């Protein structure tokens, strides 16, 4: 049971990091196109902050190291 829980955590962590990276890429592309005032961009900003907070919680609880955060731009 414990092993499957760890696997589920690792899978979730990977999904969160992948989603966060994808959002950053899309936002950069939209920024380059001058679409920062669109509703879609604003929605992505909200999602980015949500995933950034999730990754911060992983770090706060010592579940990941700062290096494992990927390209999370933490303050």
N, C-alpha and C. Protein backbone atom coordinates (compact mmCIF):
# COMPACT_ATOMS: atom_id res chain seq x y z
N UNK A 1 0.82 -1.19 0.00
CA UNK A 1 0.00 0.00 0.00
C UNK A 1 0.87 1.26 0.00
N UNK A 2 1.88 1.30 0.86
CA UNK A 2 2.75 2.47 0.96
C UNK A 2 3.46 2.75 -0.36
N UNK A 3 3.88 1.70 -1.04
CA UNK A 3 4.58 1.85 -2.31
C UNK A 3 3.66 2.47 -3.37
N UNK A 4 2.40 2.03 -3.42
CA UNK A 4 1.48 2.59 -4.41
C UNK A 4 1.16 4.05 -4.08
N UNK A 5 1.15 4.40 -2.81
CA UNK A 5 0.91 5.78 -2.42
C UNK A 5 2.08 6.67 -2.87
N UNK A 6 3.29 6.18 -2.70
CA UNK A 6 4.46 6.91 -3.15
C UNK A 6 4.44 7.08 -4.67
N UNK A 7 4.08 6.03 -5.38
CA UNK A 7 3.98 6.11 -6.83
C UNK A 7 2.93 7.13 -7.26
N UNK A 8 1.81 7.16 -6.57
CA UNK A 8 0.76 8.12 -6.88
C UNK A 8 1.24 9.55 -6.63
N UNK A 9 1.98 9.75 -5.53
CA UNK A 9 2.54 11.07 -5.25
C UNK A 9 3.50 11.49 -6.35
N UNK A 10 4.41 10.60 -6.73
CA UNK A 10 5.38 10.92 -7.78
C UNK A 10 4.68 11.26 -9.09
N UNK A 11 3.64 10.51 -9.40
CA UNK A 11 2.87 10.75 -10.63
C UNK A 11 2.20 12.13 -10.57
N UNK A 12 1.61 12.45 -9.43
CA UNK A 12 0.95 13.75 -9.27
C UNK A 12 1.97 14.89 -9.34
N UNK A 13 3.08 14.74 -8.67
CA UNK A 13 4.12 15.77 -8.70
C UNK A 13 4.59 16.03 -10.13
N UNK A 14 4.82 14.96 -10.87
CA UNK A 14 5.25 15.09 -12.25
C UNK A 14 4.19 15.81 -13.09
N UNK A 15 2.94 15.47 -12.89
CA UNK A 15 1.84 16.11 -13.63
C UNK A 15 1.76 17.59 -13.31
N UNK A 16 1.91 17.94 -12.04
CA UNK A 16 1.86 19.35 -11.63
C UNK A 16 3.01 20.13 -12.25
N UNK A 17 4.21 19.56 -12.20
CA UNK A 17 5.37 20.24 -12.78
C UNK A 17 5.24 20.37 -14.30
N UNK A 18 4.75 19.33 -14.97
CA UNK A 18 4.55 19.39 -16.42
C UNK A 18 3.51 20.43 -16.80
N UNK A 19 2.42 20.46 -16.08
CA UNK A 19 1.35 21.42 -16.35
C UNK A 19 1.86 22.84 -16.14
N UNK A 20 2.60 23.04 -15.07
CA UNK A 20 3.15 24.37 -14.79
C UNK A 20 4.09 24.82 -15.91
N UNK A 21 4.95 23.93 -16.35
CA UNK A 21 5.87 24.26 -17.44
C UNK A 21 5.12 24.58 -18.73
N UNK A 22 4.07 23.80 -19.01
CA UNK A 22 3.26 24.04 -20.20
C UNK A 22 2.57 25.40 -20.16
N UNK A 23 2.07 25.75 -19.00
CA UNK A 23 1.41 27.05 -18.83
C UNK A 23 2.41 28.18 -19.06
N UNK A 24 3.61 28.05 -18.49
CA UNK A 24 4.64 29.07 -18.69
C UNK A 24 4.97 29.25 -20.17
N UNK A 25 5.10 28.13 -20.89
CA UNK A 25 5.41 28.20 -22.32
C UNK A 25 4.31 28.90 -23.09
N UNK A 26 3.06 28.54 -22.80
CA UNK A 26 1.93 29.18 -23.50
C UNK A 26 1.85 30.66 -23.19
N UNK A 27 2.11 31.01 -21.93
CA UNK A 27 2.07 32.42 -21.55
C UNK A 27 3.17 33.21 -22.25
N UNK A 28 4.35 32.64 -22.36
CA UNK A 28 5.45 33.32 -23.06
C UNK A 28 5.10 33.53 -24.53
N UNK A 29 4.50 32.52 -25.15
CA UNK A 29 4.11 32.63 -26.55
C UNK A 29 3.06 33.74 -26.71
N UNK A 30 2.07 33.76 -25.84
CA UNK A 30 1.03 34.78 -25.92
C UNK A 30 1.59 36.17 -25.63
N UNK A 31 2.54 36.24 -24.71
CA UNK A 31 3.18 37.52 -24.40
C UNK A 31 3.90 38.05 -25.63
N UNK A 32 4.58 37.16 -26.33
CA UNK A 32 5.28 37.54 -27.56
C UNK A 32 4.34 38.02 -28.65
N UNK A 33 3.11 37.56 -28.61
CA UNK A 33 2.09 37.96 -29.59
C UNK A 33 1.30 39.18 -29.13
N UNK A 34 1.65 39.71 -27.95
CA UNK A 34 0.97 40.88 -27.43
C UNK A 34 -0.43 40.61 -26.91
N UNK A 35 -0.66 39.39 -26.44
CA UNK A 35 -2.00 39.00 -26.00
C UNK A 35 -2.12 38.91 -24.48
N UNK A 36 -1.40 39.77 -23.78
CA UNK A 36 -1.41 39.69 -22.32
C UNK A 36 -2.69 40.24 -21.69
N UNK A 37 -3.49 40.95 -22.45
CA UNK A 37 -4.73 41.50 -21.90
C UNK A 37 -5.94 40.66 -22.26
N UNK A 38 -5.72 39.50 -22.83
CA UNK A 38 -6.83 38.64 -23.21
C UNK A 38 -7.33 37.86 -22.00
N UNK A 39 -8.56 37.40 -22.10
CA UNK A 39 -9.14 36.58 -21.04
C UNK A 39 -8.37 35.27 -20.91
N UNK A 40 -7.98 34.69 -22.02
CA UNK A 40 -7.24 33.43 -21.99
C UNK A 40 -5.92 33.60 -21.23
N UNK A 41 -5.21 34.68 -21.48
CA UNK A 41 -3.95 34.92 -20.78
C UNK A 41 -4.20 35.08 -19.28
N UNK A 42 -5.24 35.81 -18.93
CA UNK A 42 -5.56 36.01 -17.52
C UNK A 42 -5.94 34.70 -16.84
N UNK A 43 -6.65 33.83 -17.55
CA UNK A 43 -6.98 32.51 -17.01
C UNK A 43 -5.73 31.69 -16.80
N UNK A 44 -4.80 31.77 -17.75
CA UNK A 44 -3.53 31.05 -17.60
C UNK A 44 -2.74 31.59 -16.41
N UNK A 45 -2.81 32.88 -16.19
CA UNK A 45 -2.12 33.46 -15.05
C UNK A 45 -2.68 32.89 -13.75
N UNK A 46 -3.99 32.75 -13.68
CA UNK A 46 -4.61 32.17 -12.49
C UNK A 46 -4.17 30.73 -12.29
N UNK A 47 -4.15 29.95 -13.38
CA UNK A 47 -3.71 28.56 -13.29
C UNK A 47 -2.25 28.48 -12.90
N UNK A 48 -1.43 29.37 -13.45
CA UNK A 48 -0.01 29.40 -13.11
C UNK A 48 0.17 29.61 -11.61
N UNK A 49 -0.56 30.57 -11.05
CA UNK A 49 -0.44 30.84 -9.62
C UNK A 49 -0.89 29.65 -8.78
N UNK A 50 -1.95 28.97 -9.22
CA UNK A 50 -2.43 27.81 -8.48
C UNK A 50 -1.36 26.71 -8.46
N UNK A 51 -0.79 26.40 -9.63
CA UNK A 51 0.24 25.36 -9.68
C UNK A 51 1.50 25.80 -8.96
N UNK A 52 1.83 27.08 -9.02
CA UNK A 52 2.99 27.59 -8.30
C UNK A 52 2.80 27.39 -6.80
N UNK A 53 1.60 27.65 -6.31
CA UNK A 53 1.31 27.44 -4.89
C UNK A 53 1.42 25.97 -4.51
N UNK A 54 0.95 25.09 -5.37
CA UNK A 54 1.06 23.65 -5.09
C UNK A 54 2.53 23.24 -4.98
N UNK A 55 3.34 23.70 -5.90
CA UNK A 55 4.76 23.36 -5.88
C UNK A 55 5.42 23.95 -4.63
N UNK A 56 5.01 25.15 -4.23
CA UNK A 56 5.53 25.75 -3.01
C UNK A 56 5.20 24.90 -1.79
N UNK A 57 4.00 24.36 -1.75
CA UNK A 57 3.63 23.49 -0.63
C UNK A 57 4.50 22.23 -0.59
N UNK A 58 4.77 21.66 -1.76
CA UNK A 58 5.67 20.50 -1.80
C UNK A 58 7.02 20.85 -1.18
N UNK A 59 7.51 22.05 -1.50
CA UNK A 59 8.81 22.47 -0.97
C UNK A 59 8.72 22.74 0.53
N UNK A 60 7.69 23.44 0.97
CA UNK A 60 7.53 23.77 2.40
C UNK A 60 7.53 22.52 3.26
N UNK A 61 6.87 21.47 2.78
CA UNK A 61 6.78 20.23 3.54
C UNK A 61 7.95 19.29 3.29
N UNK A 62 8.96 19.78 2.57
CA UNK A 62 10.17 19.00 2.36
C UNK A 62 10.01 17.81 1.43
N UNK A 63 8.99 17.86 0.58
CA UNK A 63 8.75 16.74 -0.34
C UNK A 63 9.57 16.87 -1.62
N UNK A 64 9.97 18.09 -1.93
CA UNK A 64 10.89 18.30 -3.05
C UNK A 64 11.92 19.33 -2.64
N UNK A 65 13.06 19.30 -3.29
CA UNK A 65 14.10 20.27 -3.07
C UNK A 65 13.92 21.40 -4.07
N UNK A 66 14.53 22.51 -3.81
CA UNK A 66 14.41 23.67 -4.69
C UNK A 66 14.82 23.32 -6.12
N UNK A 67 15.85 22.49 -6.28
CA UNK A 67 16.33 22.11 -7.62
C UNK A 67 15.28 21.31 -8.38
N UNK A 68 14.41 20.59 -7.66
CA UNK A 68 13.41 19.74 -8.29
C UNK A 68 12.19 20.53 -8.75
N UNK A 69 12.13 21.79 -8.46
CA UNK A 69 10.95 22.58 -8.80
C UNK A 69 10.83 22.81 -10.28
N UNK A 70 11.87 22.52 -11.01
CA UNK A 70 11.82 22.83 -12.43
C UNK A 70 12.10 24.31 -12.60
N UNK A 71 11.33 24.95 -13.45
CA UNK A 71 11.56 26.36 -13.71
C UNK A 71 10.52 27.23 -13.02
N UNK A 72 10.24 26.93 -11.79
CA UNK A 72 9.27 27.69 -11.03
C UNK A 72 9.93 29.00 -10.61
N UNK A 73 9.32 30.10 -10.96
CA UNK A 73 9.89 31.39 -10.63
C UNK A 73 9.32 31.89 -9.32
N UNK A 74 9.93 31.40 -8.23
CA UNK A 74 9.51 31.77 -6.90
C UNK A 74 10.15 33.10 -6.51
N UNK A 75 9.43 33.88 -5.70
CA UNK A 75 10.01 35.15 -5.25
C UNK A 75 11.16 34.92 -4.28
